[in-house]
N, C-alpha and C. Protein backbone atom coordinates (compact mmCIF):
# COMPACT_ATOMS: atom_id res chain seq x y z
N MET A 1 1.30 -0.70 -16.65
CA MET A 1 1.00 0.25 -15.59
C MET A 1 0.20 -0.50 -14.52
N LEU A 2 0.51 -0.19 -13.27
CA LEU A 2 -0.11 -0.86 -12.11
C LEU A 2 -0.73 0.19 -11.22
N LYS A 3 -2.02 0.04 -10.99
CA LYS A 3 -2.72 0.95 -10.06
C LYS A 3 -3.16 0.17 -8.87
N ARG A 4 -3.75 0.84 -7.90
CA ARG A 4 -4.11 0.23 -6.62
C ARG A 4 -5.62 -0.02 -6.48
N LEU A 5 -6.00 -1.14 -5.88
CA LEU A 5 -7.37 -1.34 -5.44
C LEU A 5 -7.46 -0.78 -4.05
N LYS A 6 -8.38 0.10 -3.78
CA LYS A 6 -8.46 0.73 -2.45
C LYS A 6 -9.80 0.57 -1.76
N LYS A 7 -10.88 0.56 -2.50
CA LYS A 7 -12.24 0.58 -1.93
C LYS A 7 -12.68 -0.87 -1.58
N ASN A 8 -13.44 -0.95 -0.51
CA ASN A 8 -13.98 -2.27 -0.12
C ASN A 8 -14.81 -2.88 -1.24
N HIS A 9 -15.62 -2.14 -1.95
CA HIS A 9 -16.47 -2.77 -2.99
C HIS A 9 -15.56 -3.30 -4.11
N GLU A 10 -14.41 -2.65 -4.37
CA GLU A 10 -13.51 -3.19 -5.42
C GLU A 10 -12.94 -4.52 -5.00
N PHE A 11 -12.55 -4.62 -3.73
CA PHE A 11 -12.04 -5.86 -3.19
C PHE A 11 -13.12 -6.94 -3.26
N GLN A 12 -14.38 -6.60 -2.87
CA GLN A 12 -15.45 -7.58 -2.89
C GLN A 12 -15.72 -8.15 -4.29
N ILE A 13 -15.63 -7.32 -5.26
CA ILE A 13 -15.83 -7.77 -6.66
C ILE A 13 -14.78 -8.79 -7.02
N VAL A 14 -13.55 -8.56 -6.68
CA VAL A 14 -12.46 -9.50 -6.96
C VAL A 14 -12.66 -10.80 -6.17
N PHE A 15 -13.03 -10.68 -4.92
CA PHE A 15 -13.24 -11.87 -4.11
C PHE A 15 -14.38 -12.75 -4.69
N GLN A 16 -15.46 -12.11 -5.18
CA GLN A 16 -16.59 -12.83 -5.68
C GLN A 16 -16.37 -13.37 -7.13
N GLU A 17 -15.78 -12.57 -7.99
CA GLU A 17 -15.61 -12.99 -9.38
C GLU A 17 -14.28 -13.57 -9.76
N GLY A 18 -13.27 -13.37 -8.90
CA GLY A 18 -11.98 -13.87 -9.20
C GLY A 18 -11.72 -15.28 -8.74
N LYS A 19 -10.53 -15.77 -9.07
CA LYS A 19 -10.13 -17.12 -8.63
C LYS A 19 -8.95 -16.97 -7.66
N SER A 20 -8.86 -17.88 -6.74
CA SER A 20 -7.78 -17.81 -5.77
C SER A 20 -6.74 -18.88 -5.99
N PHE A 21 -5.48 -18.53 -5.69
CA PHE A 21 -4.41 -19.45 -5.75
C PHE A 21 -3.55 -19.16 -4.53
N ALA A 22 -2.99 -20.24 -3.94
CA ALA A 22 -2.31 -20.07 -2.65
C ALA A 22 -1.11 -20.98 -2.48
N ASN A 23 -0.20 -20.52 -1.63
CA ASN A 23 0.76 -21.39 -1.05
C ASN A 23 0.86 -21.08 0.43
N ARG A 24 1.89 -21.51 1.12
CA ARG A 24 1.88 -21.28 2.58
C ARG A 24 2.04 -19.83 2.97
N GLN A 25 2.62 -19.00 2.08
CA GLN A 25 2.92 -17.61 2.42
C GLN A 25 1.92 -16.58 1.90
N PHE A 26 1.33 -16.85 0.76
CA PHE A 26 0.47 -15.89 0.09
C PHE A 26 -0.80 -16.53 -0.47
N VAL A 27 -1.88 -15.76 -0.47
CA VAL A 27 -3.12 -16.12 -1.22
C VAL A 27 -3.24 -15.01 -2.29
N VAL A 28 -3.40 -15.40 -3.52
CA VAL A 28 -3.61 -14.42 -4.64
C VAL A 28 -4.93 -14.61 -5.25
N TYR A 29 -5.72 -13.56 -5.28
CA TYR A 29 -6.97 -13.57 -6.00
C TYR A 29 -6.76 -12.83 -7.32
N VAL A 30 -7.21 -13.43 -8.43
CA VAL A 30 -7.03 -12.82 -9.74
C VAL A 30 -8.42 -12.73 -10.38
N ARG A 31 -8.78 -11.53 -10.82
CA ARG A 31 -9.98 -11.33 -11.58
C ARG A 31 -9.52 -10.88 -12.97
N LYS A 32 -9.74 -11.78 -13.97
CA LYS A 32 -9.26 -11.54 -15.30
C LYS A 32 -10.05 -10.44 -16.00
N GLN A 33 -9.32 -9.66 -16.77
CA GLN A 33 -9.95 -8.65 -17.68
C GLN A 33 -10.86 -7.71 -16.95
N ASN A 34 -10.35 -6.75 -16.26
CA ASN A 34 -11.21 -5.76 -15.59
C ASN A 34 -11.74 -4.71 -16.57
N GLY A 35 -11.36 -4.85 -17.85
CA GLY A 35 -11.87 -3.91 -18.86
C GLY A 35 -11.06 -2.62 -18.97
N LYS A 36 -9.94 -2.58 -18.24
CA LYS A 36 -9.11 -1.38 -18.29
C LYS A 36 -7.77 -1.70 -18.90
N PRO A 37 -7.04 -0.70 -19.43
CA PRO A 37 -5.74 -0.95 -20.04
C PRO A 37 -4.64 -1.07 -19.05
N TYR A 38 -4.91 -1.28 -17.80
CA TYR A 38 -3.92 -1.43 -16.73
C TYR A 38 -4.41 -2.42 -15.73
N SER A 39 -3.49 -2.95 -14.95
CA SER A 39 -3.81 -3.88 -13.87
C SER A 39 -3.90 -3.12 -12.55
N ARG A 40 -4.62 -3.74 -11.63
CA ARG A 40 -4.80 -3.11 -10.32
C ARG A 40 -4.35 -4.11 -9.23
N LEU A 41 -3.76 -3.59 -8.17
CA LEU A 41 -3.26 -4.45 -7.11
C LEU A 41 -3.82 -4.01 -5.78
N GLY A 42 -4.32 -4.94 -5.03
CA GLY A 42 -4.77 -4.72 -3.69
C GLY A 42 -3.99 -5.57 -2.71
N LEU A 43 -3.64 -5.05 -1.56
CA LEU A 43 -2.85 -5.78 -0.58
C LEU A 43 -3.58 -5.90 0.73
N SER A 44 -3.39 -7.04 1.37
CA SER A 44 -3.98 -7.20 2.72
C SER A 44 -2.90 -7.89 3.61
N VAL A 45 -2.51 -7.18 4.64
CA VAL A 45 -1.61 -7.75 5.60
C VAL A 45 -2.23 -7.63 7.00
N SER A 46 -2.40 -8.75 7.63
CA SER A 46 -3.11 -8.83 8.92
C SER A 46 -2.33 -8.23 10.07
N LYS A 47 -3.03 -7.75 11.07
CA LYS A 47 -2.33 -7.27 12.24
C LYS A 47 -1.54 -8.32 12.98
N LYS A 48 -1.87 -9.56 12.71
CA LYS A 48 -1.13 -10.70 13.31
C LYS A 48 0.32 -10.71 12.83
N MET A 49 0.61 -10.02 11.71
CA MET A 49 1.95 -10.04 11.11
C MET A 49 2.92 -9.16 11.91
N GLY A 50 2.42 -8.32 12.70
CA GLY A 50 3.31 -7.40 13.46
C GLY A 50 2.76 -6.03 13.59
N ASN A 51 3.59 -5.08 14.01
CA ASN A 51 3.18 -3.74 14.16
C ASN A 51 3.03 -3.07 12.80
N ALA A 52 2.66 -1.77 12.81
CA ALA A 52 2.41 -1.10 11.55
C ALA A 52 3.68 -0.97 10.74
N VAL A 53 4.84 -0.83 11.35
CA VAL A 53 6.08 -0.75 10.65
C VAL A 53 6.33 -2.00 9.86
N MET A 54 6.17 -3.13 10.50
CA MET A 54 6.39 -4.43 9.85
C MET A 54 5.36 -4.66 8.74
N ARG A 55 4.12 -4.33 8.94
CA ARG A 55 3.10 -4.52 7.89
C ARG A 55 3.39 -3.64 6.68
N ASN A 56 3.78 -2.39 6.90
CA ASN A 56 4.10 -1.52 5.80
C ASN A 56 5.32 -1.97 5.06
N HIS A 57 6.28 -2.52 5.77
CA HIS A 57 7.50 -3.05 5.22
C HIS A 57 7.12 -4.20 4.24
N ILE A 58 6.25 -5.10 4.67
CA ILE A 58 5.84 -6.24 3.85
C ILE A 58 5.10 -5.72 2.61
N LYS A 59 4.22 -4.74 2.79
CA LYS A 59 3.48 -4.19 1.66
C LYS A 59 4.45 -3.55 0.66
N ARG A 60 5.42 -2.81 1.12
CA ARG A 60 6.40 -2.21 0.21
C ARG A 60 7.15 -3.26 -0.58
N TYR A 61 7.58 -4.35 0.08
CA TYR A 61 8.21 -5.43 -0.62
C TYR A 61 7.34 -6.01 -1.71
N ILE A 62 6.07 -6.30 -1.36
CA ILE A 62 5.19 -6.88 -2.35
C ILE A 62 4.97 -5.96 -3.53
N LYS A 63 4.77 -4.67 -3.27
CA LYS A 63 4.61 -3.70 -4.38
C LYS A 63 5.85 -3.63 -5.22
N GLU A 64 7.02 -3.69 -4.63
CA GLU A 64 8.25 -3.67 -5.38
C GLU A 64 8.39 -4.88 -6.28
N ILE A 65 8.03 -6.03 -5.76
CA ILE A 65 8.03 -7.27 -6.58
C ILE A 65 7.10 -7.16 -7.76
N PHE A 66 5.89 -6.61 -7.52
CA PHE A 66 4.95 -6.47 -8.63
C PHE A 66 5.49 -5.50 -9.63
N ARG A 67 6.12 -4.38 -9.21
CA ARG A 67 6.71 -3.44 -10.16
C ARG A 67 7.78 -4.11 -11.03
N GLU A 68 8.57 -4.94 -10.36
CA GLU A 68 9.64 -5.67 -11.08
C GLU A 68 9.12 -6.56 -12.17
N PHE A 69 7.93 -7.17 -11.95
CA PHE A 69 7.38 -8.09 -12.92
C PHE A 69 6.20 -7.53 -13.70
N ALA A 70 6.01 -6.19 -13.63
CA ALA A 70 4.84 -5.58 -14.29
C ALA A 70 4.80 -5.85 -15.79
N ASP A 71 5.91 -5.91 -16.43
CA ASP A 71 5.95 -6.15 -17.89
C ASP A 71 5.67 -7.60 -18.22
N ARG A 72 5.69 -8.50 -17.25
CA ARG A 72 5.46 -9.89 -17.52
C ARG A 72 4.06 -10.39 -17.04
N LEU A 73 3.35 -9.49 -16.39
CA LEU A 73 1.99 -9.83 -15.90
C LEU A 73 0.97 -9.49 -16.97
N GLU A 74 -0.10 -10.29 -16.99
CA GLU A 74 -1.21 -10.04 -17.91
C GLU A 74 -1.78 -8.62 -17.58
N VAL A 75 -2.03 -7.86 -18.60
CA VAL A 75 -2.53 -6.51 -18.43
C VAL A 75 -4.09 -6.58 -18.33
N GLY A 76 -4.63 -5.73 -17.50
CA GLY A 76 -6.07 -5.63 -17.37
C GLY A 76 -6.67 -6.55 -16.34
N ASN A 77 -5.87 -7.09 -15.42
CA ASN A 77 -6.38 -7.96 -14.40
C ASN A 77 -6.34 -7.22 -13.05
N ASP A 78 -7.18 -7.67 -12.17
CA ASP A 78 -7.17 -7.18 -10.74
C ASP A 78 -6.50 -8.28 -9.91
N TYR A 79 -5.59 -7.88 -9.03
CA TYR A 79 -4.85 -8.81 -8.19
C TYR A 79 -5.07 -8.39 -6.73
N ILE A 80 -5.34 -9.35 -5.86
CA ILE A 80 -5.35 -9.11 -4.42
C ILE A 80 -4.35 -10.09 -3.84
N ILE A 81 -3.40 -9.58 -3.05
CA ILE A 81 -2.40 -10.38 -2.40
C ILE A 81 -2.74 -10.35 -0.93
N ILE A 82 -2.87 -11.50 -0.32
CA ILE A 82 -3.09 -11.64 1.12
C ILE A 82 -1.85 -12.36 1.68
N SER A 83 -1.20 -11.75 2.58
CA SER A 83 -0.01 -12.40 3.10
C SER A 83 -0.35 -13.21 4.39
N ARG A 84 0.29 -14.32 4.56
CA ARG A 84 0.12 -15.15 5.71
C ARG A 84 1.25 -14.96 6.72
N LYS A 85 1.08 -15.57 7.82
CA LYS A 85 2.02 -15.35 8.96
C LYS A 85 3.51 -15.64 8.61
N PRO A 86 3.85 -16.72 7.86
CA PRO A 86 5.27 -16.96 7.62
C PRO A 86 6.00 -15.83 6.90
N VAL A 87 5.28 -14.95 6.23
CA VAL A 87 5.90 -13.86 5.50
C VAL A 87 6.68 -12.93 6.45
N SER A 88 6.20 -12.77 7.67
CA SER A 88 6.84 -11.82 8.59
C SER A 88 8.29 -12.15 8.92
N THR A 89 8.68 -13.38 8.73
CA THR A 89 10.07 -13.80 9.04
C THR A 89 10.90 -14.10 7.79
N MET A 90 10.35 -13.83 6.62
CA MET A 90 11.03 -14.08 5.37
C MET A 90 11.90 -12.90 4.91
N THR A 91 12.93 -13.27 4.14
CA THR A 91 13.78 -12.21 3.49
C THR A 91 13.06 -11.79 2.21
N HIS A 92 13.57 -10.70 1.66
CA HIS A 92 13.00 -10.21 0.34
C HIS A 92 13.09 -11.30 -0.71
N GLN A 93 14.24 -11.96 -0.81
CA GLN A 93 14.43 -13.02 -1.85
C GLN A 93 13.40 -14.14 -1.63
N GLU A 94 13.19 -14.57 -0.42
CA GLU A 94 12.28 -15.64 -0.14
C GLU A 94 10.82 -15.20 -0.52
N MET A 95 10.47 -13.96 -0.15
CA MET A 95 9.16 -13.44 -0.51
C MET A 95 8.94 -13.40 -1.98
N ARG A 96 9.96 -12.96 -2.70
CA ARG A 96 9.93 -12.84 -4.15
C ARG A 96 9.71 -14.21 -4.76
N LYS A 97 10.47 -15.20 -4.34
CA LYS A 97 10.36 -16.57 -4.88
C LYS A 97 8.98 -17.14 -4.61
N SER A 98 8.44 -16.93 -3.41
CA SER A 98 7.16 -17.43 -3.06
C SER A 98 6.05 -16.77 -3.85
N LEU A 99 6.14 -15.49 -4.03
CA LEU A 99 5.10 -14.73 -4.77
C LEU A 99 5.15 -15.14 -6.25
N VAL A 100 6.36 -15.30 -6.79
CA VAL A 100 6.48 -15.73 -8.19
C VAL A 100 5.88 -17.14 -8.37
N HIS A 101 6.08 -17.99 -7.38
CA HIS A 101 5.48 -19.30 -7.43
C HIS A 101 3.99 -19.27 -7.52
N VAL A 102 3.35 -18.46 -6.71
CA VAL A 102 1.89 -18.34 -6.73
C VAL A 102 1.39 -17.72 -8.03
N LEU A 103 2.10 -16.75 -8.55
CA LEU A 103 1.69 -16.11 -9.82
C LEU A 103 1.86 -17.08 -11.00
N LYS A 104 2.83 -17.95 -10.92
CA LYS A 104 2.93 -18.97 -11.94
C LYS A 104 1.78 -19.98 -11.86
N LYS A 105 1.41 -20.31 -10.59
CA LYS A 105 0.23 -21.19 -10.42
C LYS A 105 -1.00 -20.58 -11.00
N ALA A 106 -1.13 -19.28 -10.89
CA ALA A 106 -2.27 -18.59 -11.40
C ALA A 106 -2.22 -18.38 -12.93
N ARG A 107 -1.10 -18.67 -13.50
CA ARG A 107 -0.84 -18.52 -14.93
C ARG A 107 -1.06 -17.08 -15.40
N VAL A 108 -0.59 -16.14 -14.65
CA VAL A 108 -0.66 -14.77 -15.09
C VAL A 108 0.72 -14.13 -15.29
N LEU A 109 1.80 -14.91 -14.96
CA LEU A 109 3.15 -14.42 -15.19
C LEU A 109 3.69 -15.03 -16.45
N HIS A 110 3.97 -14.22 -17.42
CA HIS A 110 4.44 -14.70 -18.72
C HIS A 110 5.97 -14.72 -18.75
N ASP A 111 6.53 -15.60 -19.64
CA ASP A 111 7.94 -15.65 -19.84
C ASP A 111 8.64 -15.93 -18.51
N SER A 112 8.14 -16.85 -17.71
CA SER A 112 8.63 -17.10 -16.42
C SER A 112 9.97 -17.78 -16.37
N ARG A 113 10.47 -18.32 -17.51
CA ARG A 113 11.80 -19.00 -17.50
C ARG A 113 12.90 -17.96 -17.35
N LYS A 114 12.63 -16.69 -17.75
CA LYS A 114 13.65 -15.67 -17.78
C LYS A 114 13.66 -14.82 -16.57
N ILE A 115 13.10 -15.25 -15.49
CA ILE A 115 13.06 -14.46 -14.23
C ILE A 115 14.46 -14.49 -13.64
N PRO A 116 15.10 -13.34 -13.47
CA PRO A 116 16.49 -13.31 -12.94
C PRO A 116 16.47 -13.65 -11.46
N GLN A 117 17.55 -14.35 -11.07
CA GLN A 117 17.71 -14.66 -9.63
C GLN A 117 18.55 -13.61 -8.99
N LEU A 118 18.18 -13.21 -7.77
CA LEU A 118 18.96 -12.16 -7.06
C LEU A 118 20.02 -12.81 -6.26
């Protein structure tokens, strides 16, 4: 099960206590074991990425990718995804590949050999 990080103080705890992993498109902060039986996801998409429609589109894609891999992610972690400028011109498949790459770097995506290609 995946819930959302919404409050500023929740984000600050992850920024302070978590570890960051990045590539050119995404920065992922992971705070291991939040003490809950579910993981939480926070998203940050800058206004530099485009208008509200574009930013919401990017957030929907990221949430969909996380839902797709929810059963392969470590349970009980907090995740914050910060998207960088190149994401605004990427396709869904490219975003998916890039996000999977960062999650593998963070070692929170299990059974990564069996990730289906679209």
